Amino acid sequence: FAVFPHIAEAATSQVSKPTFNPAAGVLFESTLKVKITSSTSGSKVRYTTNGSTPSTSSPEVPSGGIDISSTTTIKARAFKSRMKDSDVAEATFRKMDPARRPPGGTRTGATLSPE
């Protein structure tokens, strides 16, 4: 009977924590597409928008990202068989009332940036 230490190591490795693009804190006016990825090859990123921790039964992030149209907090977690689930990543994206646009701000796509 042979021992395979690399198999035991794979079972204790953890999937990398998902990252958001754009990063948390972006203000948007109408809709925003948020892409969420993990750098662990072959992992599946799942998400929630109701405050619960994502599980393997949560929806998978579509390859094109998630479209949001209101202030939303997204929690994401990456999963891969024979690896520990990633830590939970969380990001909030705020919809801005166009009437409250900051003075001197310019619109860049779906986000606002100072001039």
C-alpha atoms as a PDB file:
ATOM      1  CA  PHE A   1       0.000   0.000   0.000  1.00  0.00           C
ATOM      2  CA  ALA A   2       1.599   3.255  -1.116  1.00  0.00           C
ATOM      3  CA  VAL A   3       1.085   6.622   0.521  1.00  0.00           C
ATOM      4  CA  PHE A   4       0.474   9.578  -1.761  1.00  0.00           C
ATOM      5  CA  PRO A   5       1.279  12.751   0.178  1.00  0.00           C
ATOM      6  CA  HIS A   6       0.268  14.987  -2.744  1.00  0.00           C
ATOM      7  CA  ILE A   7      -3.321  13.685  -2.487  1.00  0.00           C
ATOM      8  CA  ALA A   8      -3.494  14.534   1.197  1.00  0.00           C
ATOM      9  CA  GLU A   9      -2.048  17.956   0.423  1.00  0.00           C
ATOM     10  CA  ALA A  10      -4.691  18.605  -2.254  1.00  0.00           C
ATOM     11  CA  ALA A  11      -7.441  17.741   0.217  1.00  0.00           C
ATOM     12  CA  THR A  12      -6.156  20.354   2.664  1.00  0.00           C
ATOM     13  CA  SER A  13      -5.450  23.096   0.110  1.00  0.00           C
ATOM     14  CA  GLN A  14      -7.939  25.935   0.062  1.00  0.00           C
ATOM     15  CA  VAL A  15      -9.592  27.469  -2.985  1.00  0.00           C
ATOM     16  CA  SER A  16      -8.551  31.107  -3.451  1.00  0.00           C
ATOM     17  CA  LYS A  17     -10.966  33.762  -2.203  1.00  0.00           C
ATOM     18  CA  PRO A  18     -13.057  35.313  -5.006  1.00  0.00           C
ATOM     19  CA  THR A  19     -12.362  38.843  -6.216  1.00  0.00           C
ATOM     20  CA  PHE A  20     -14.812  41.396  -7.603  1.00  0.00           C
ATOM     21  CA  ASN A  21     -14.438  43.495 -10.740  1.00  0.00           C
ATOM     22  CA  PRO A  22     -15.166  46.329 -10.261  1.00  0.00           C
ATOM     23  CA  ALA A  23     -14.020  46.400  -6.659  1.00  0.00           C
ATOM     24  CA  ALA A  24     -16.427  47.035  -3.780  1.00  0.00           C
ATOM     25  CA  GLY A  25     -17.628  50.563  -3.206  1.00  0.00           C
ATOM     26  CA  VAL A  26     -18.310  51.559  -6.810  1.00  0.00           C
ATOM     27  CA  LEU A  27     -21.184  54.007  -7.237  1.00  0.00           C
ATOM     28  CA  PHE A  28     -23.371  53.513 -10.301  1.00  0.00           C
ATOM     29  CA  GLU A  29     -26.355  55.278 -11.836  1.00  0.00           C
ATOM     30  CA  SER A  30     -28.391  52.685 -13.761  1.00  0.00           C
ATOM     31  CA  THR A  31     -27.005  49.157 -13.950  1.00  0.00           C
ATOM     32  CA  LEU A  32     -23.647  47.615 -13.167  1.00  0.00           C
ATOM     33  CA  LYS A  33     -22.094  44.347 -14.332  1.00  0.00           C
ATOM     34  CA  VAL A  34     -20.032  42.692 -11.596  1.00  0.00           C
ATOM     35  CA  LYS A  35     -17.628  39.889 -12.477  1.00  0.00           C
ATOM     36  CA  ILE A  36     -16.509  37.563  -9.686  1.00  0.00           C
ATOM     37  CA  THR A  37     -13.626  35.148 -10.149  1.00  0.00           C
ATOM     38  CA  SER A  38     -11.282  32.893  -8.207  1.00  0.00           C
ATOM     39  CA  SER A  39      -7.689  32.351  -9.293  1.00  0.00           C
ATOM     40  CA  THR A  40      -7.992  28.622  -8.478  1.00  0.00           C
ATOM     41  CA  SER A  41      -8.252  26.834 -11.822  1.00  0.00           C
ATOM     42  CA  GLY A  42     -11.407  24.755 -12.206  1.00  0.00           C
ATOM     43  CA  SER A  43     -13.186  26.270  -9.210  1.00  0.00           C
ATOM     44  CA  LYS A  44     -16.834  27.340  -9.327  1.00  0.00           C
ATOM     45  CA  VAL A  45     -17.793  30.667  -7.762  1.00  0.00           C
ATOM     46  CA  ARG A  46     -21.249  30.823  -6.205  1.00  0.00           C
ATOM     47  CA  TYR A  47     -22.975  33.879  -4.766  1.00  0.00           C
ATOM     48  CA  THR A  48     -25.858  35.264  -2.733  1.00  0.00           C
ATOM     49  CA  THR A  49     -27.454  38.690  -2.468  1.00  0.00           C
ATOM     50  CA  ASN A  50     -29.666  37.983   0.567  1.00  0.00           C
ATOM     51  CA  GLY A  51     -26.954  38.132   3.232  1.00  0.00           C
ATOM     52  CA  SER A  52     -26.534  34.361   3.571  1.00  0.00           C
ATOM     53  CA  THR A  53     -23.223  32.550   3.143  1.00  0.00           C
ATOM     54  CA  PRO A  54     -22.933  30.982  -0.331  1.00  0.00           C
ATOM     55  CA  SER A  55     -23.105  27.184  -0.464  1.00  0.00           C
ATOM     56  CA  THR A  56     -22.786  24.589  -3.211  1.00  0.00           C
ATOM     57  CA  SER A  57     -26.518  25.024  -3.854  1.00  0.00           C
ATOM     58  CA  SER A  58     -26.237  28.817  -4.360  1.00  0.00           C
ATOM     59  CA  PRO A  59     -26.322  30.112  -7.947  1.00  0.00           C
ATOM     60  CA  GLU A  60     -23.078  29.976  -9.904  1.00  0.00           C
ATOM     61  CA  VAL A  61     -21.719  33.294 -11.149  1.00  0.00           C
ATOM     62  CA  PRO A  62     -22.350  33.457 -14.923  1.00  0.00           C
ATOM     63  CA  SER A  63     -19.206  33.886 -17.036  1.00  0.00           C
ATOM     64  CA  GLY A  64     -20.439  37.325 -18.138  1.00  0.00           C
ATOM     65  CA  GLY A  65     -20.987  38.482 -14.551  1.00  0.00           C
ATOM     66  CA  ILE A  66     -24.007  39.596 -12.556  1.00  0.00           C
ATOM     67  CA  ASP A  67     -26.114  42.603 -13.532  1.00  0.00           C
ATOM     68  CA  ILE A  68     -27.331  44.699 -10.613  1.00  0.00           C
ATOM     69  CA  SER A  69     -29.662  47.684 -10.756  1.00  0.00           C
ATOM     70  CA  SER A  70     -30.014  48.656  -7.096  1.00  0.00           C
ATOM     71  CA  THR A  71     -27.749  48.948  -4.063  1.00  0.00           C
ATOM     72  CA  THR A  72     -26.617  45.364  -3.535  1.00  0.00           C
ATOM     73  CA  THR A  73     -24.304  43.430  -1.232  1.00  0.00           C
ATOM     74  CA  ILE A  74     -22.899  40.311  -2.869  1.00  0.00           C
ATOM     75  CA  LYS A  75     -21.280  37.457  -0.966  1.00  0.00           C
ATOM     76  CA  ALA A  76     -19.207  34.998  -2.990  1.00  0.00           C
ATOM     77  CA  ARG A  77     -17.390  31.763  -2.253  1.00  0.00           C
ATOM     78  CA  ALA A  78     -15.415  29.447  -4.540  1.00  0.00           C
ATOM     79  CA  PHE A  79     -15.682  25.658  -4.477  1.00  0.00           C
ATOM     80  CA  LYS A  80     -13.641  22.831  -5.965  1.00  0.00           C
ATOM     81  CA  SER A  81     -13.797  19.134  -5.196  1.00  0.00           C
ATOM     82  CA  ARG A  82     -11.082  17.763  -2.899  1.00  0.00           C
ATOM     83  CA  MET A  83     -10.210  21.285  -1.718  1.00  0.00           C
ATOM     84  CA  LYS A  84     -11.376  23.388   1.207  1.00  0.00           C
ATOM     85  CA  ASP A  85     -13.986  25.978   0.250  1.00  0.00           C
ATOM     86  CA  SER A  86     -12.632  29.505  -0.121  1.00  0.00           C
ATOM     87  CA  ASP A  87     -13.136  32.206   2.440  1.00  0.00           C
ATOM     88  CA  VAL A  88     -16.246  34.299   1.813  1.00  0.00           C
ATOM     89  CA  ALA A  89     -15.719  37.516  -0.134  1.00  0.00           C
ATOM     90  CA  GLU A  90     -18.201  40.357   0.271  1.00  0.00           C
ATOM     91  CA  ALA A  91     -18.720  43.578  -1.668  1.00  0.00           C
ATOM     92  CA  THR A  92     -21.362  46.309  -1.648  1.00  0.00           C
ATOM     93  CA  PHE A  93     -22.208  48.339  -4.739  1.00  0.00           C
ATOM     94  CA  ARG A  94     -24.324  51.476  -4.266  1.00  0.00           C
ATOM     95  CA  LYS A  95     -26.802  52.895  -6.723  1.00  0.00           C
ATOM     96  CA  MET A  96     -26.600  56.641  -6.809  1.00  0.00           C
ATOM     97  CA  ASP A  97     -29.533  58.958  -7.299  1.00  0.00           C
ATOM     98  CA  PRO A  98     -28.635  60.970 -10.443  1.00  0.00           C
ATOM     99  CA  ALA A  99     -30.011  64.093  -8.733  1.00  0.00           C
ATOM    100  CA  ARG A 100     -27.355  63.659  -6.048  1.00  0.00           C
ATOM    101  CA  ARG A 101     -24.403  63.433  -8.434  1.00  0.00           C
ATOM    102  CA  PRO A 102     -21.342  65.062  -6.822  1.00  0.00           C
ATOM    103  CA  PRO A 103     -20.496  68.519  -8.184  1.00  0.00           C
ATOM    104  CA  GLY A 104     -17.789  68.330 -10.805  1.00  0.00           C
ATOM    105  CA  GLY A 105     -18.226  64.579 -11.221  1.00  0.00           C
ATOM    106  CA  THR A 106     -18.120  63.044 -14.652  1.00  0.00           C
ATOM    107  CA  ARG A 107     -19.741  59.869 -15.778  1.00  0.00           C
ATOM    108  CA  THR A 108     -17.418  57.092 -16.941  1.00  0.00           C
ATOM    109  CA  GLY A 109     -19.460  54.190 -18.268  1.00  0.00           C
ATOM    110  CA  ALA A 110     -21.572  52.985 -15.362  1.00  0.00           C
ATOM    111  CA  THR A 111     -19.357  54.530 -12.687  1.00  0.00           C
ATOM    112  CA  LEU A 112     -18.669  58.051 -11.502  1.00  0.00           C
ATOM    113  CA  SER A 113     -15.233  59.533 -11.130  1.00  0.00           C
ATOM    114  CA  PRO A 114     -14.100  62.972  -9.994  1.00  0.00           C
ATOM    115  CA  GLU A 115     -12.812  65.416 -12.569  1.00  0.00           C
END
